[in-house]
Amino acid sequence: MAQTTISIRMDNQLKSQFEEFCSAVGMSMTTAFNIFAKTAVREQKIPFEISAKATVAPTANQVAENDVAMNLAAKLIEENRPALEVLAK
C-alpha cells in the first residue's frame, strides 16, 4: 500500500503532551493518528463525542479525574497494543 505524508498544525504544548502520552502507551503519534483515521473510516464517524459546551477552567478534582482517566486509557491501550498495531497497518 502506498504511503503519503500529511502535515498537521498543532499548539507546541499540546504536541509535547501528546508525544508524551503516546510514548507512555508505547506508540508513536503516527500510529495514534492512523488508529484514529482507520476507526473514523470504519465507523463513518468521529470516534468520540464532540460538543459545543461552554469552556470553564477545570477544578482540581476534574484535573485529578482526567489524570486517572488518562492512566486507565494508557493501561487499556498497553493491554491491547497487539490489536491496535494490527489496526494501524
Protein backbone atom coordinates (compact mmCIF):
# COMPACT_ATOMS: atom_id res chain seq x y z
CA MET A 1 0.00 0.00 0.00
CA ALA A 2 1.38 3.40 -0.98
CA GLN A 3 2.09 5.82 1.83
CA THR A 4 1.72 9.58 1.96
CA THR A 5 2.83 12.29 4.35
CA ILE A 6 0.48 14.80 5.95
CA SER A 7 1.19 17.97 7.89
CA ILE A 8 -0.87 18.99 10.94
CA ARG A 9 -0.72 22.35 12.69
CA MET A 10 -0.87 22.00 16.46
CA ASP A 11 -0.03 24.06 19.53
CA ASN A 12 3.54 23.27 20.67
CA GLN A 13 2.47 22.43 24.22
CA LEU A 14 -0.31 20.11 23.02
CA LYS A 15 2.14 18.38 20.66
CA SER A 16 4.57 17.79 23.52
CA GLN A 17 1.82 16.48 25.76
CA PHE A 18 0.51 14.18 23.00
CA GLU A 19 4.01 12.87 22.25
CA GLU A 20 4.45 12.15 25.95
CA PHE A 21 1.10 10.35 26.11
CA CYS A 22 1.84 8.29 23.00
CA SER A 23 5.25 7.35 24.37
CA ALA A 24 3.68 6.34 27.69
CA VAL A 25 1.34 3.92 25.90
CA GLY A 26 4.07 2.60 23.62
CA MET A 27 3.10 4.07 20.28
CA SER A 28 4.12 6.88 18.00
CA MET A 29 1.98 9.87 17.09
CA THR A 30 1.77 8.42 13.58
CA THR A 31 0.30 5.17 14.93
CA ALA A 32 -2.18 7.11 17.08
CA PHE A 33 -3.35 9.20 14.11
CA ASN A 34 -3.59 6.10 11.90
CA ILE A 35 -5.73 4.35 14.53
CA PHE A 36 -7.96 7.44 14.69
CA ALA A 37 -8.28 7.63 10.88
CA LYS A 38 -9.00 3.91 10.43
CA THR A 39 -11.61 3.95 13.20
CA ALA A 40 -13.28 7.05 11.74
CA VAL A 41 -13.43 5.46 8.27
CA ARG A 42 -14.62 2.10 9.57
CA GLU A 43 -17.33 3.59 11.81
CA GLN A 44 -18.10 6.53 9.50
CA LYS A 45 -17.99 8.94 12.44
CA ILE A 46 -15.56 10.72 14.73
CA PRO A 47 -14.77 8.00 17.30
CA PHE A 48 -15.50 10.25 20.28
CA GLU A 49 -18.14 12.78 21.28
CA ILE A 50 -17.74 16.39 20.17
CA SER A 51 -19.86 19.06 21.84
CA ALA A 52 -20.12 22.83 22.00
CA LYS A 53 -20.36 23.03 25.78
CA ALA A 54 -19.07 26.21 27.41
CA THR A 55 -15.42 26.00 28.38
CA VAL A 56 -14.57 26.66 32.01
CA ALA A 57 -11.32 26.16 33.87
CA PRO A 58 -11.19 22.64 35.32
CA THR A 59 -11.28 22.16 39.07
CA ALA A 60 -8.55 20.27 40.90
CA ASN A 61 -10.91 17.27 41.13
CA GLN A 62 -11.55 17.37 37.38
CA VAL A 63 -7.83 17.50 36.68
CA ALA A 64 -7.30 14.53 39.01
CA GLU A 65 -10.17 12.62 37.36
CA ASN A 66 -8.68 13.36 33.92
CA ASP A 67 -5.31 12.05 35.10
CA VAL A 68 -6.96 8.85 36.35
CA ALA A 69 -8.83 8.50 33.06
CA MET A 70 -5.65 9.04 31.04
CA ASN A 71 -3.82 6.43 33.12
CA LEU A 72 -6.68 3.98 32.59
CA ALA A 73 -6.67 4.71 28.84
CA ALA A 74 -2.91 4.17 28.73
CA LYS A 75 -3.30 0.86 30.56
CA LEU A 76 -6.06 -0.30 28.19
CA ILE A 77 -4.01 0.68 25.15
CA GLU A 78 -0.96 -1.12 26.54
CA GLU A 79 -3.00 -4.26 27.20
CA ASN A 80 -4.45 -4.14 23.68
CA ARG A 81 -1.34 -2.96 21.83
CA PRO A 82 -1.08 -6.02 19.52
CA ALA A 83 -4.63 -5.49 18.24
CA LEU A 84 -4.06 -1.74 17.87
CA GLU A 85 -0.88 -2.32 15.88
CA VAL A 86 -2.82 -4.58 13.50
CA LEU A 87 -5.42 -1.80 13.07
CA ALA A 88 -2.69 0.76 12.35
CA LYS A 89 -1.30 -1.27 9.42
